[in-house]
Amino acid sequence: MYYEPGVTDHNLPHDPFKACVIPRPIGWISTQNKNGQANLAPYSQFNNLTFDPPYVMFSSNQTVDGERKDTVVNAEATGNFVWNLATWELREAVNISAQQFPYGVDEFAHAGVGKEWATKMAVPMVAESPVKFECRYHSTIRLPGNPPMGTVDVVIGQVVAVHIKEEALTDGKLDVRKTQPIARCGYYEYAVIRETFDMVIPGMSEDVLYGLEGSARRNREKHAEDK
């Protein structure tokens, strides 16, 4: 089959686009507004951008009423947000927090998850999540789209603090067999990651390999060597 989005119809009972780009990490983002009200919501279009310093992004379509999502409003207003790893054990809480509650409603309470406070900002984190990133808001790229909800805010933040629970580590490495992160697939489908395999690109220099690994320490050592 072949179709041109917005020009020709794919003639399938369900749109295939999001089902083609999988699995997608879930940006389970917590914020707090200037009135001290907490917010927690998942975004299925999330990823890291670079590693030294680390940046992440999440994209948020506007609502059917043409309003920007609470997470975007709070991140821009306060300059802070936290990413919480969405896991198999927390899947139901993630799903509950996806509901579009009125602005100011605390999704932590509705989802039944605990709060612990970030160290560098006034933002609550999901206590049960094994990995958290404290992020300073950097910028928003607003991409135009078709109404009512096609327009999207791409929010970028710099990671300034990382929390990893000891029980999520094996031999000094974050172990996905222990964290069991969930990811978004197409339609209403999700995946859970329990197995991994290694592949090292042949013929690559050490400089390329440490970049692929995301070693900020090695990157700084290399910079010092080159001076």
N, C-alpha and C. Protein backbone atom coordinates (compact mmCIF):
# COMPACT_ATOMS: atom_id res chain seq x y z
N MET A 1 0.84 -1.19 0.00
CA MET A 1 0.00 0.00 0.00
C MET A 1 0.87 1.24 0.00
N TYR A 2 0.27 2.32 -0.40
CA TYR A 2 0.97 3.61 -0.47
C TYR A 2 -0.07 4.70 -0.26
N TYR A 3 0.30 5.70 0.59
CA TYR A 3 -0.58 6.86 0.73
C TYR A 3 0.24 8.08 1.09
N GLU A 4 -0.32 9.25 0.86
CA GLU A 4 0.33 10.52 1.20
C GLU A 4 -0.49 11.18 2.30
N PRO A 5 0.08 11.29 3.52
CA PRO A 5 -0.68 11.84 4.65
C PRO A 5 -1.25 13.22 4.33
N GLY A 6 -2.52 13.36 4.59
CA GLY A 6 -3.19 14.63 4.35
C GLY A 6 -3.58 14.87 2.90
N VAL A 7 -3.18 13.95 2.02
CA VAL A 7 -3.48 14.11 0.60
C VAL A 7 -4.36 12.97 0.10
N THR A 8 -3.91 11.73 0.36
CA THR A 8 -4.69 10.57 -0.04
C THR A 8 -4.99 9.72 1.19
N ASP A 9 -6.05 8.95 1.14
CA ASP A 9 -6.46 8.12 2.27
C ASP A 9 -5.73 6.78 2.22
N HIS A 10 -5.38 6.25 3.42
CA HIS A 10 -4.72 4.95 3.45
C HIS A 10 -5.71 3.80 3.30
N ASN A 11 -7.00 4.09 3.46
CA ASN A 11 -8.07 3.10 3.26
C ASN A 11 -7.96 1.89 4.20
N LEU A 12 -7.34 2.08 5.35
CA LEU A 12 -7.31 1.05 6.38
C LEU A 12 -8.28 1.43 7.49
N PRO A 13 -8.78 0.47 8.25
CA PRO A 13 -9.71 0.81 9.32
C PRO A 13 -9.07 1.59 10.47
N HIS A 14 -7.71 1.51 10.57
CA HIS A 14 -7.00 2.24 11.61
C HIS A 14 -5.77 2.89 10.99
N ASP A 15 -5.45 4.12 11.43
CA ASP A 15 -4.31 4.85 10.88
C ASP A 15 -3.00 4.14 11.26
N PRO A 16 -2.12 3.83 10.30
CA PRO A 16 -0.92 3.04 10.60
C PRO A 16 0.28 3.84 11.07
N PHE A 17 0.25 5.17 10.99
CA PHE A 17 1.48 5.95 11.19
C PHE A 17 2.17 5.67 12.53
N LYS A 18 1.43 5.82 13.64
CA LYS A 18 2.06 5.63 14.94
C LYS A 18 2.49 4.18 15.16
N ALA A 19 1.82 3.25 14.50
CA ALA A 19 2.18 1.85 14.63
C ALA A 19 3.47 1.51 13.89
N CYS A 20 3.92 2.41 13.04
CA CYS A 20 5.17 2.19 12.30
C CYS A 20 6.39 2.59 13.12
N VAL A 21 6.24 3.56 13.98
CA VAL A 21 7.37 4.08 14.76
C VAL A 21 7.26 3.52 16.17
N ILE A 22 7.83 2.32 16.38
CA ILE A 22 7.70 1.63 17.67
C ILE A 22 8.99 0.88 17.99
N PRO A 23 9.20 0.56 19.27
CA PRO A 23 8.44 1.05 20.43
C PRO A 23 8.90 2.46 20.80
N ARG A 24 8.02 3.24 21.38
CA ARG A 24 8.37 4.61 21.76
C ARG A 24 8.46 4.71 23.28
N PRO A 25 9.58 5.25 23.80
CA PRO A 25 9.67 5.45 25.25
C PRO A 25 8.55 6.36 25.74
N ILE A 26 8.13 6.16 26.96
CA ILE A 26 7.04 6.96 27.53
C ILE A 26 7.62 8.07 28.40
N GLY A 27 7.25 9.28 28.09
CA GLY A 27 7.66 10.42 28.92
C GLY A 27 6.63 10.64 30.01
N TRP A 28 6.83 9.99 31.15
CA TRP A 28 5.92 10.17 32.29
C TRP A 28 6.40 11.39 33.03
N ILE A 29 5.78 12.51 32.75
CA ILE A 29 6.30 13.82 33.17
C ILE A 29 5.51 14.37 34.35
N SER A 30 6.24 14.75 35.40
CA SER A 30 5.62 15.41 36.54
C SER A 30 6.06 16.88 36.59
N THR A 31 5.12 17.73 36.97
CA THR A 31 5.37 19.16 37.10
C THR A 31 4.60 19.69 38.30
N GLN A 32 4.85 20.93 38.62
CA GLN A 32 4.05 21.61 39.63
C GLN A 32 3.83 23.04 39.17
N ASN A 33 2.59 23.52 39.28
CA ASN A 33 2.33 24.88 38.82
C ASN A 33 2.72 25.90 39.89
N LYS A 34 2.57 27.16 39.58
CA LYS A 34 3.00 28.21 40.50
C LYS A 34 2.14 28.29 41.75
N ASN A 35 0.99 27.62 41.74
CA ASN A 35 0.13 27.57 42.92
C ASN A 35 0.44 26.37 43.80
N GLY A 36 1.48 25.60 43.42
CA GLY A 36 1.87 24.45 44.21
C GLY A 36 1.06 23.21 43.94
N GLN A 37 0.31 23.17 42.83
CA GLN A 37 -0.51 22.01 42.48
C GLN A 37 0.27 21.08 41.56
N ALA A 38 0.32 19.80 41.91
CA ALA A 38 1.10 18.82 41.17
C ALA A 38 0.35 18.33 39.94
N ASN A 39 1.12 17.90 38.94
CA ASN A 39 0.55 17.33 37.71
C ASN A 39 1.43 16.15 37.29
N LEU A 40 0.79 15.12 36.76
CA LEU A 40 1.51 13.93 36.30
C LEU A 40 0.81 13.40 35.06
N ALA A 41 1.55 13.23 33.96
CA ALA A 41 0.93 12.78 32.72
C ALA A 41 1.96 12.07 31.83
N PRO A 42 1.53 11.03 31.10
CA PRO A 42 2.44 10.33 30.18
C PRO A 42 2.35 10.87 28.75
N TYR A 43 3.50 10.90 28.10
CA TYR A 43 3.58 11.33 26.71
C TYR A 43 4.34 10.26 25.93
N SER A 44 3.72 9.75 24.88
CA SER A 44 4.30 8.60 24.16
C SER A 44 5.26 9.03 23.06
N GLN A 45 5.56 10.30 23.00
CA GLN A 45 6.56 10.79 22.05
C GLN A 45 7.62 11.51 22.87
N PHE A 46 8.60 10.72 23.34
CA PHE A 46 9.63 11.18 24.27
C PHE A 46 10.95 10.52 23.90
N ASN A 47 12.06 11.25 24.12
CA ASN A 47 13.37 10.63 23.89
C ASN A 47 14.48 11.51 24.43
N ASN A 48 15.69 10.92 24.50
CA ASN A 48 16.86 11.73 24.81
C ASN A 48 17.40 12.33 23.52
N LEU A 49 18.14 13.43 23.64
CA LEU A 49 18.64 14.13 22.47
C LEU A 49 20.16 14.07 22.36
N THR A 50 20.86 14.18 23.49
CA THR A 50 22.30 14.08 23.52
C THR A 50 22.70 13.76 24.94
N PHE A 51 24.04 13.58 25.18
CA PHE A 51 24.44 13.02 26.47
C PHE A 51 25.39 13.90 27.29
N ASP A 52 26.02 14.93 26.72
CA ASP A 52 26.98 15.72 27.50
C ASP A 52 26.91 17.19 27.12
N PRO A 53 26.06 17.98 27.81
CA PRO A 53 25.16 17.55 28.89
C PRO A 53 23.93 16.85 28.33
N PRO A 54 23.25 16.05 29.16
CA PRO A 54 22.09 15.31 28.66
C PRO A 54 20.86 16.21 28.49
N TYR A 55 20.19 16.05 27.37
CA TYR A 55 18.93 16.73 27.09
C TYR A 55 17.88 15.68 26.73
N VAL A 56 16.64 15.96 27.09
CA VAL A 56 15.51 15.12 26.70
C VAL A 56 14.43 15.98 26.08
N MET A 57 13.50 15.34 25.39
CA MET A 57 12.38 16.06 24.82
C MET A 57 11.11 15.24 24.95
N PHE A 58 9.98 15.92 25.04
CA PHE A 58 8.68 15.26 24.88
C PHE A 58 7.80 16.16 24.05
N SER A 59 6.90 15.56 23.29
CA SER A 59 6.00 16.36 22.46
C SER A 59 4.57 16.16 22.92
N SER A 60 3.83 17.24 22.92
CA SER A 60 2.48 17.25 23.48
C SER A 60 1.52 17.91 22.50
N ASN A 61 0.63 17.11 21.93
CA ASN A 61 -0.42 17.69 21.10
C ASN A 61 -1.37 18.51 21.95
N GLN A 62 -1.96 19.54 21.36
CA GLN A 62 -2.95 20.31 22.11
C GLN A 62 -4.25 19.51 22.20
N THR A 63 -5.15 19.98 23.05
CA THR A 63 -6.41 19.27 23.26
C THR A 63 -7.38 19.53 22.11
N VAL A 64 -8.50 18.80 22.11
CA VAL A 64 -9.50 19.00 21.06
C VAL A 64 -10.14 20.38 21.16
N ASP A 65 -9.97 21.04 22.32
CA ASP A 65 -10.47 22.41 22.49
C ASP A 65 -9.43 23.44 22.06
N GLY A 66 -8.29 22.97 21.54
CA GLY A 66 -7.26 23.90 21.10
C GLY A 66 -6.41 24.45 22.23
N GLU A 67 -6.44 23.81 23.40
CA GLU A 67 -5.67 24.26 24.56
C GLU A 67 -4.36 23.49 24.66
N ARG A 68 -3.33 24.15 25.19
CA ARG A 68 -2.06 23.47 25.43
C ARG A 68 -2.18 22.63 26.70
N LYS A 69 -1.47 21.51 26.74
CA LYS A 69 -1.56 20.60 27.87
C LYS A 69 -0.97 21.22 29.14
N ASP A 70 -1.49 20.78 30.28
CA ASP A 70 -1.05 21.32 31.58
C ASP A 70 0.45 21.15 31.78
N THR A 71 1.00 20.05 31.35
CA THR A 71 2.43 19.80 31.53
C THR A 71 3.26 20.87 30.85
N VAL A 72 2.89 21.23 29.63
CA VAL A 72 3.62 22.25 28.88
C VAL A 72 3.50 23.60 29.58
N VAL A 73 2.29 23.94 29.99
CA VAL A 73 2.06 25.21 30.67
C VAL A 73 2.91 25.31 31.94
N ASN A 74 2.92 24.23 32.73
CA ASN A 74 3.67 24.24 33.99
C ASN A 74 5.18 24.30 33.76
N ALA A 75 5.68 23.52 32.80
CA ALA A 75 7.12 23.49 32.53
C ALA A 75 7.61 24.86 32.08
N GLU A 76 6.85 25.50 31.22
CA GLU A 76 7.26 26.82 30.75
C GLU A 76 7.16 27.87 31.85
N ALA A 77 6.13 27.78 32.69
CA ALA A 77 5.91 28.79 33.72
C ALA A 77 6.93 28.69 34.86
N THR A 78 7.32 27.46 35.21
CA THR A 78 8.22 27.27 36.36
C THR A 78 9.66 27.00 35.95
N GLY A 79 9.86 26.55 34.71
CA GLY A 79 11.21 26.24 34.25
C GLY A 79 11.70 24.87 34.66
N ASN A 80 10.79 24.00 35.11
CA ASN A 80 11.21 22.69 35.62
C ASN A 80 10.22 21.60 35.23
N PHE A 81 10.73 20.38 35.09
CA PHE A 81 9.88 19.19 35.01
C PHE A 81 10.73 17.97 35.35
N VAL A 82 10.06 16.86 35.66
CA VAL A 82 10.75 15.61 35.99
C VAL A 82 10.23 14.50 35.09
N TRP A 83 11.15 13.68 34.58
CA TRP A 83 10.76 12.47 33.86
C TRP A 83 10.87 11.29 34.82
N ASN A 84 9.83 10.46 34.86
CA ASN A 84 9.78 9.27 35.70
C ASN A 84 9.67 8.05 34.79
N LEU A 85 10.51 7.04 35.01
CA LEU A 85 10.46 5.85 34.18
C LEU A 85 9.14 5.10 34.39
N ALA A 86 8.43 4.84 33.31
CA ALA A 86 7.18 4.08 33.35
C ALA A 86 7.51 2.60 33.25
N THR A 87 7.09 1.82 34.22
CA THR A 87 7.45 0.40 34.29
C THR A 87 6.22 -0.49 34.24
N TRP A 88 6.48 -1.79 34.08
CA TRP A 88 5.40 -2.78 34.06
C TRP A 88 4.57 -2.71 35.33
N GLU A 89 5.22 -2.64 36.48
CA GLU A 89 4.50 -2.62 37.74
C GLU A 89 3.65 -1.35 37.90
N LEU A 90 4.04 -0.28 37.23
CA LEU A 90 3.34 1.00 37.35
C LEU A 90 2.42 1.27 36.17
N ARG A 91 2.20 0.28 35.32
CA ARG A 91 1.45 0.51 34.08
C ARG A 91 0.04 1.05 34.32
N GLU A 92 -0.67 0.54 35.32
CA GLU A 92 -2.03 1.01 35.57
C GLU A 92 -2.03 2.46 36.04
N ALA A 93 -1.05 2.82 36.86
CA ALA A 93 -0.94 4.21 37.32
C ALA A 93 -0.64 5.14 36.15
N VAL A 94 0.23 4.68 35.24
CA VAL A 94 0.53 5.47 34.04
C VAL A 94 -0.74 5.72 33.24
N ASN A 95 -1.54 4.70 33.07
CA ASN A 95 -2.76 4.80 32.28
C ASN A 95 -3.78 5.74 32.94
N ILE A 96 -3.91 5.64 34.26
CA ILE A 96 -4.85 6.51 34.98
C ILE A 96 -4.41 7.97 34.85
N SER A 97 -3.11 8.21 34.95
CA SER A 97 -2.62 9.59 34.89
C SER A 97 -2.74 10.20 33.51
N ALA A 98 -3.07 9.38 32.50
CA ALA A 98 -3.25 9.89 31.14
C ALA A 98 -4.59 10.58 30.95
N GLN A 99 -5.51 10.44 31.90
CA GLN A 99 -6.82 11.07 31.78
C GLN A 99 -6.67 12.60 31.79
N GLN A 100 -7.56 13.27 31.07
CA GLN A 100 -7.49 14.73 31.00
C GLN A 100 -8.35 15.34 32.11
N PHE A 101 -7.74 15.42 33.29
CA PHE A 101 -8.41 16.05 34.43
C PHE A 101 -8.36 17.57 34.28
N PRO A 102 -9.25 18.29 34.97
CA PRO A 102 -9.19 19.75 34.95
C PRO A 102 -7.86 20.26 35.49
N TYR A 103 -7.46 21.42 35.04
CA TYR A 103 -6.18 22.00 35.46
C TYR A 103 -6.15 22.15 36.98
N GLY A 104 -5.03 21.74 37.58
CA GLY A 104 -4.86 21.85 39.03
C GLY A 104 -5.17 20.58 39.78
N VAL A 105 -5.78 19.58 39.10
CA VAL A 105 -6.07 18.30 39.75
C VAL A 105 -4.77 17.51 39.90
N ASP A 106 -4.57 16.88 41.05
CA ASP A 106 -3.35 16.12 41.35
C ASP A 106 -3.49 14.68 40.85
N GLU A 107 -2.84 14.36 39.74
CA GLU A 107 -2.92 13.01 39.18
C GLU A 107 -2.17 11.98 40.03
N PHE A 108 -1.23 12.41 40.86
CA PHE A 108 -0.55 11.48 41.77
C PHE A 108 -1.60 10.77 42.64
N ALA A 109 -2.52 11.56 43.17
CA ALA A 109 -3.55 11.01 44.05
C ALA A 109 -4.48 10.06 43.29
N HIS A 110 -4.90 10.46 42.09
CA HIS A 110 -5.80 9.61 41.31
C HIS A 110 -5.12 8.31 40.89
N ALA A 111 -3.83 8.39 40.57
CA ALA A 111 -3.10 7.20 40.12
C ALA A 111 -2.64 6.33 41.27
N GLY A 112 -2.72 6.84 42.49
CA GLY A 112 -2.34 6.06 43.66
C GLY A 112 -0.85 5.85 43.82
N VAL A 113 -0.05 6.83 43.38
CA VAL A 113 1.41 6.73 43.53
C VAL A 113 1.89 7.75 44.55
N GLY A 114 3.02 7.45 45.17
CA GLY A 114 3.58 8.32 46.18
C GLY A 114 4.41 9.43 45.58
N LYS A 115 4.71 10.42 46.40
CA LYS A 115 5.53 11.55 45.98
C LYS A 115 6.84 11.57 46.77
N GLU A 116 7.90 11.89 46.07
CA GLU A 116 9.14 12.29 46.73
C GLU A 116 9.64 13.52 45.98
N TRP A 117 10.29 14.41 46.69
CA TRP A 117 10.62 15.69 46.09
C TRP A 117 11.97 15.68 45.39
N ALA A 118 12.01 16.35 44.27
CA ALA A 118 13.26 16.52 43.56
C ALA A 118 14.24 17.30 44.43
N THR A 119 15.51 17.14 44.16
CA THR A 119 16.53 17.78 44.99
C THR A 119 16.87 19.19 44.54
N LYS A 120 16.68 19.48 43.25
CA LYS A 120 17.12 20.76 42.71
C LYS A 120 15.98 21.65 42.25
N MET A 121 14.73 21.20 42.47
CA MET A 121 13.59 21.98 42.01
C MET A 121 12.34 21.57 42.80
N ALA A 122 11.36 22.44 42.81
CA ALA A 122 10.12 22.17 43.54
C ALA A 122 9.16 21.40 42.66
N VAL A 123 9.49 20.15 42.40
CA VAL A 123 8.67 19.27 41.57
C VAL A 123 8.59 17.91 42.26
N PRO A 124 7.39 17.35 42.43
CA PRO A 124 7.27 16.00 42.99
C PRO A 124 7.63 14.95 41.95
N MET A 125 8.23 13.85 42.41
CA MET A 125 8.57 12.73 41.55
C MET A 125 7.77 11.51 41.99
N VAL A 126 7.62 10.54 41.11
CA VAL A 126 6.91 9.30 41.45
C VAL A 126 7.84 8.45 42.31
N ALA A 127 7.49 8.29 43.56
CA ALA A 127 8.36 7.60 44.51
C ALA A 127 8.66 6.17 44.09
N GLU A 128 7.69 5.50 43.49
CA GLU A 128 7.85 4.10 43.12
C GLU A 128 8.67 3.88 41.84
N SER A 129 8.86 4.93 41.06
CA SER A 129 9.60 4.77 39.82
C SER A 129 11.09 4.59 40.11
N PRO A 130 11.75 3.62 39.46
CA PRO A 130 13.15 3.35 39.77
C PRO A 130 14.16 4.33 39.18
N VAL A 131 13.74 5.12 38.18
CA VAL A 131 14.64 6.08 37.55
C VAL A 131 13.91 7.39 37.33
N LYS A 132 14.56 8.50 37.73
CA LYS A 132 13.96 9.82 37.54
C LYS A 132 15.02 10.81 37.04
N PHE A 133 14.61 11.72 36.16
CA PHE A 133 15.46 12.81 35.69
C PHE A 133 14.85 14.14 36.13
N GLU A 134 15.62 14.95 36.84
CA GLU A 134 15.21 16.33 37.10
C GLU A 134 15.67 17.17 35.93
N CYS A 135 14.75 17.93 35.33
CA CYS A 135 15.05 18.65 34.09
C CYS A 135 14.77 20.14 34.22
N ARG A 136 15.70 20.93 33.74
CA ARG A 136 15.49 22.37 33.60
C ARG A 136 14.92 22.64 32.21
N TYR A 137 13.82 23.35 32.17
CA TYR A 137 13.21 23.70 30.88
C TYR A 137 14.19 24.49 30.03
N HIS A 138 14.33 24.11 28.77
CA HIS A 138 15.22 24.82 27.85
C HIS A 138 14.44 25.63 26.81
N SER A 139 13.54 24.96 26.10
CA SER A 139 12.83 25.65 25.02
C SER A 139 11.65 24.81 24.55
N THR A 140 10.79 25.47 23.78
CA THR A 140 9.65 24.80 23.15
C THR A 140 9.66 25.10 21.66
N ILE A 141 9.54 24.05 20.88
CA ILE A 141 9.36 24.20 19.43
C ILE A 141 7.90 23.87 19.14
N ARG A 142 7.17 24.83 18.63
CA ARG A 142 5.74 24.62 18.36
C ARG A 142 5.55 24.33 16.89
N LEU A 143 5.15 23.09 16.59
CA LEU A 143 4.96 22.66 15.21
C LEU A 143 3.49 22.81 14.83
N PRO A 144 3.21 23.50 13.73
CA PRO A 144 1.82 23.66 13.32
C PRO A 144 1.24 22.36 12.82
N GLY A 145 -0.05 22.16 13.06
CA GLY A 145 -0.72 20.96 12.60
C GLY A 145 -2.17 21.23 12.28
N ASN A 146 -2.86 20.20 11.89
CA ASN A 146 -4.26 20.34 11.52
C ASN A 146 -5.15 20.37 12.75
N PRO A 147 -6.14 21.26 12.76
CA PRO A 147 -7.05 21.32 13.90
C PRO A 147 -7.92 20.08 13.97
N PRO A 148 -8.45 19.74 15.15
CA PRO A 148 -8.33 20.56 16.36
C PRO A 148 -7.09 20.29 17.20
N MET A 149 -6.44 19.09 17.06
CA MET A 149 -5.36 18.78 17.99
C MET A 149 -4.01 18.52 17.34
N GLY A 150 -3.89 18.75 16.05
CA GLY A 150 -2.64 18.43 15.35
C GLY A 150 -1.44 19.25 15.77
N THR A 151 -1.65 20.49 16.16
CA THR A 151 -0.53 21.34 16.59
C THR A 151 0.13 20.74 17.82
N VAL A 152 1.47 20.77 17.85
CA VAL A 152 2.20 20.09 18.92
C VAL A 152 3.30 20.97 19.50
N ASP A 153 3.49 20.88 20.81
CA ASP A 153 4.59 21.54 21.50
C ASP A 153 5.68 20.52 21.75
N VAL A 154 6.86 20.74 21.22
CA VAL A 154 8.02 19.89 21.50
C VAL A 154 8.84 20.59 22.57
N VAL A 155 8.83 20.02 23.77
CA VAL A 155 9.47 20.65 24.93
C VAL A 155 10.83 19.99 25.17
N ILE A 156 11.85 20.81 25.29
CA ILE A 156 13.22 20.34 25.51
C ILE A 156 13.70 20.76 26.89
N GLY A 157 14.33 19.84 27.60
CA GLY A 157 14.86 20.15 28.92
C GLY A 157 16.24 19.55 29.11
N GLN A 158 17.07 20.23 29.91
CA GLN A 158 18.40 19.71 30.25
C GLN A 158 18.31 18.92 31.54
N VAL A 159 18.84 17.71 31.54
CA VAL A 159 18.83 16.87 32.74
C VAL A 159 19.91 17.36 33.70
N VAL A 160 19.50 17.79 34.89
CA VAL A 160 20.44 18.33 35.86
C VAL A 160 20.65 17.42 37.07
N ALA A 161 19.82 16.38 37.20
CA ALA A 161 19.99 15.41 38.28
C ALA A 161 19.33 14.11 37.88
N VAL A 162 19.97 12.99 38.25
CA VAL A 162 19.47 11.66 37.91
C VAL A 162 19.34 10.85 39.19
N HIS A 163 18.18 10.19 39.35
CA HIS A 163 17.94 9.31 40.49
C HIS A 163 17.77 7.88 39.98
N ILE A 164 18.57 6.94 40.49
CA ILE A 164 18.45 5.53 40.13
C ILE A 164 18.45 4.70 41.41
N LYS A 165 17.43 3.88 41.59
CA LYS A 165 17.37 3.04 42.78
C LYS A 165 18.40 1.92 42.69
N GLU A 166 19.02 1.62 43.83
CA GLU A 166 20.07 0.61 43.87
C GLU A 166 19.60 -0.74 43.34
N GLU A 167 18.35 -1.09 43.64
CA GLU A 167 17.85 -2.40 43.22
C GLU A 167 17.65 -2.51 41.71
N ALA A 168 17.81 -1.39 40.98
CA ALA A 168 17.68 -1.42 39.53
C ALA A 168 19.02 -1.69 38.84
N LEU A 169 20.10 -1.82 39.62
CA LEU A 169 21.43 -2.00 39.07
C LEU A 169 21.91 -3.44 39.19
N THR A 170 22.69 -3.86 38.20
CA THR A 170 23.39 -5.15 38.23
C THR A 170 24.81 -4.93 37.73
N ASP A 171 25.78 -5.17 38.59
CA ASP A 171 27.19 -4.99 38.21
C ASP A 171 27.46 -3.59 37.66
N GLY A 172 26.84 -2.60 38.26
CA GLY A 172 27.09 -1.22 37.86
C GLY A 172 26.35 -0.77 36.61
N LYS A 173 25.44 -1.58 36.10
CA LYS A 173 24.68 -1.21 34.91
C LYS A 173 23.18 -1.21 35.23
N LEU A 174 22.47 -0.25 34.64
CA LEU A 174 21.01 -0.23 34.79
C LEU A 174 20.46 -1.47 34.09
N ASP A 175 19.69 -2.26 34.80
CA ASP A 175 19.25 -3.57 34.33
C ASP A 175 17.77 -3.54 33.95
N VAL A 176 17.49 -3.61 32.65
CA VAL A 176 16.10 -3.54 32.19
C VAL A 176 15.31 -4.77 32.60
N ARG A 177 16.00 -5.87 32.92
CA ARG A 177 15.29 -7.05 33.41
C ARG A 177 14.69 -6.79 34.78
N LYS A 178 15.25 -5.82 35.49
CA LYS A 178 14.72 -5.45 36.80
C LYS A 178 13.71 -4.32 36.71
N THR A 179 13.97 -3.33 35.86
CA THR A 179 13.06 -2.18 35.76
C THR A 179 11.83 -2.50 34.91
N GLN A 180 11.99 -3.35 33.88
CA GLN A 180 10.91 -3.71 32.98
C GLN A 180 10.12 -2.49 32.48
N PRO A 181 10.80 -1.59 31.76
CA PRO A 181 10.10 -0.41 31.24
C PRO A 181 9.05 -0.78 30.20
N ILE A 182 7.99 0.00 30.17
CA ILE A 182 6.97 -0.19 29.14
C ILE A 182 7.15 0.87 28.05
N ALA A 183 6.70 0.54 26.87
CA ALA A 183 6.83 1.43 25.72
C ALA A 183 5.55 1.44 24.93
N ARG A 184 5.33 2.51 24.21
CA ARG A 184 4.11 2.68 23.43
C ARG A 184 4.30 2.09 22.05
N CYS A 185 3.32 1.35 21.60
CA CYS A 185 3.30 0.83 20.24
C CYS A 185 2.17 1.54 19.48
N GLY A 186 1.59 0.88 18.51
CA GLY A 186 0.50 1.50 17.78
C GLY A 186 -0.84 1.28 18.44
N TYR A 187 -1.81 2.09 18.04
CA TYR A 187 -3.19 1.92 18.49
C TYR A 187 -3.25 1.99 20.02
N TYR A 188 -3.77 0.97 20.69
CA TYR A 188 -3.79 0.95 22.16
C TYR A 188 -2.79 -0.08 22.71
N GLU A 189 -1.81 -0.41 21.90
CA GLU A 189 -0.86 -1.45 22.26
C GLU A 189 0.37 -0.89 22.97
N TYR A 190 0.87 -1.68 23.92
CA TYR A 190 2.11 -1.36 24.63
C TYR A 190 3.03 -2.57 24.57
N ALA A 191 4.29 -2.35 24.89
CA ALA A 191 5.25 -3.44 25.00
C ALA A 191 5.99 -3.29 26.33
N VAL A 192 6.51 -4.42 26.83
CA VAL A 192 7.35 -4.39 28.02
C VAL A 192 8.69 -4.99 27.66
N ILE A 193 9.76 -4.35 28.10
CA ILE A 193 11.11 -4.80 27.76
C ILE A 193 11.67 -5.63 28.90
N ARG A 194 11.95 -6.89 28.62
CA ARG A 194 12.52 -7.80 29.62
C ARG A 194 13.82 -8.43 29.14
N GLU A 195 14.11 -8.33 27.86
CA GLU A 195 15.32 -8.94 27.31
C GLU A 195 16.06 -7.94 26.44
N THR A 196 17.39 -8.06 26.41
CA THR A 196 18.22 -7.22 25.54
C THR A 196 19.28 -8.09 24.88
N PHE A 197 19.91 -7.56 23.85
CA PHE A 197 21.07 -8.21 23.25
C PHE A 197 22.06 -7.13 22.86
N ASP A 198 23.35 -7.48 22.83
CA ASP A 198 24.41 -6.52 22.52
C ASP A 198 24.83 -6.63 21.07
N MET A 199 25.14 -5.50 20.46
CA MET A 199 25.80 -5.44 19.16
C MET A 199 26.76 -4.26 19.19
N VAL A 200 28.02 -4.51 18.92
CA VAL A 200 29.03 -3.45 18.85
C VAL A 200 29.39 -3.26 17.38
N ILE A 201 29.32 -2.02 16.90
CA ILE A 201 29.61 -1.75 15.49
C ILE A 201 31.07 -2.09 15.19
N PRO A 202 31.32 -2.93 14.21
CA PRO A 202 32.70 -3.31 13.90
C PRO A 202 33.48 -2.17 13.26
N GLY A 203 34.78 -2.13 13.59
CA GLY A 203 35.66 -1.16 12.95
C GLY A 203 35.55 0.26 13.44
N MET A 204 34.80 0.48 14.51
CA MET A 204 34.63 1.84 15.01
C MET A 204 35.76 2.19 15.98
N SER A 205 36.17 3.46 16.01
CA SER A 205 37.19 3.92 16.93
C SER A 205 36.62 4.02 18.34
N GLU A 206 37.50 4.11 19.33
CA GLU A 206 37.05 4.25 20.71
C GLU A 206 36.23 5.52 20.89
N ASP A 207 36.58 6.57 20.15
CA ASP A 207 35.84 7.83 20.27
C ASP A 207 34.39 7.64 19.86
N VAL A 208 34.15 6.91 18.79
CA VAL A 208 32.78 6.67 18.33
C VAL A 208 32.04 5.78 19.33
N LEU A 209 32.73 4.77 19.83
CA LEU A 209 32.08 3.82 20.73
C LEU A 209 31.67 4.47 22.05
N TYR A 210 32.52 5.34 22.62
CA TYR A 210 32.11 5.97 23.88
C TYR A 210 30.94 6.93 23.65
N GLY A 211 30.88 7.49 22.43
CA GLY A 211 29.74 8.34 22.11
C GLY A 211 28.45 7.54 22.02
N LEU A 212 28.55 6.35 21.42
CA LEU A 212 27.37 5.49 21.33
C LEU A 212 26.94 5.01 22.71
N GLU A 213 27.91 4.77 23.58
CA GLU A 213 27.59 4.36 24.94
C GLU A 213 27.04 5.52 25.75
N GLY A 214 27.38 6.75 25.35
CA GLY A 214 26.93 7.93 26.06
C GLY A 214 27.76 8.23 27.29
N SER A 215 29.09 8.03 27.19
CA SER A 215 29.98 8.24 28.33
C SER A 215 30.41 9.70 28.41
N ALA A 216 29.77 10.46 29.28
CA ALA A 216 30.14 11.86 29.47
C ALA A 216 31.54 11.97 30.06
N ARG A 217 31.91 11.04 30.95
CA ARG A 217 33.24 11.06 31.55
C ARG A 217 34.32 10.91 30.49
N ARG A 218 34.14 9.93 29.58
CA ARG A 218 35.13 9.72 28.52
C ARG A 218 35.15 10.90 27.56
N ASN A 219 34.02 11.53 27.33
CA ASN A 219 33.96 12.69 26.45
C ASN A 219 34.79 13.84 27.01
N ARG A 220 34.71 14.05 28.33
CA ARG A 220 35.48 15.12 28.95
C ARG A 220 36.97 14.79 28.98
N GLU A 221 37.29 13.51 29.18
CA GLU A 221 38.69 13.11 29.15
C GLU A 221 39.28 13.34 27.76
N LYS A 222 38.51 13.01 26.74
CA LYS A 222 38.95 13.21 25.38
C LYS A 222 39.17 14.69 25.09
N HIS A 223 38.27 15.52 25.59
CA HIS A 223 38.40 16.98 25.39
C HIS A 223 39.68 17.49 26.05
N ALA A 224 39.98 16.96 27.25
CA ALA A 224 41.20 17.37 27.96
C ALA A 224 42.44 16.91 27.21
N GLU A 225 42.38 15.72 26.61
CA GLU A 225 43.51 15.20 25.85
C GLU A 225 43.79 16.05 24.63
N ASP A 226 42.72 16.58 24.02
CA ASP A 226 42.87 17.33 22.77
C ASP A 226 43.37 18.75 22.98
N LYS A 227 43.34 19.22 24.23
CA LYS A 227 43.77 20.61 24.50
C LYS A 227 45.30 20.73 24.42
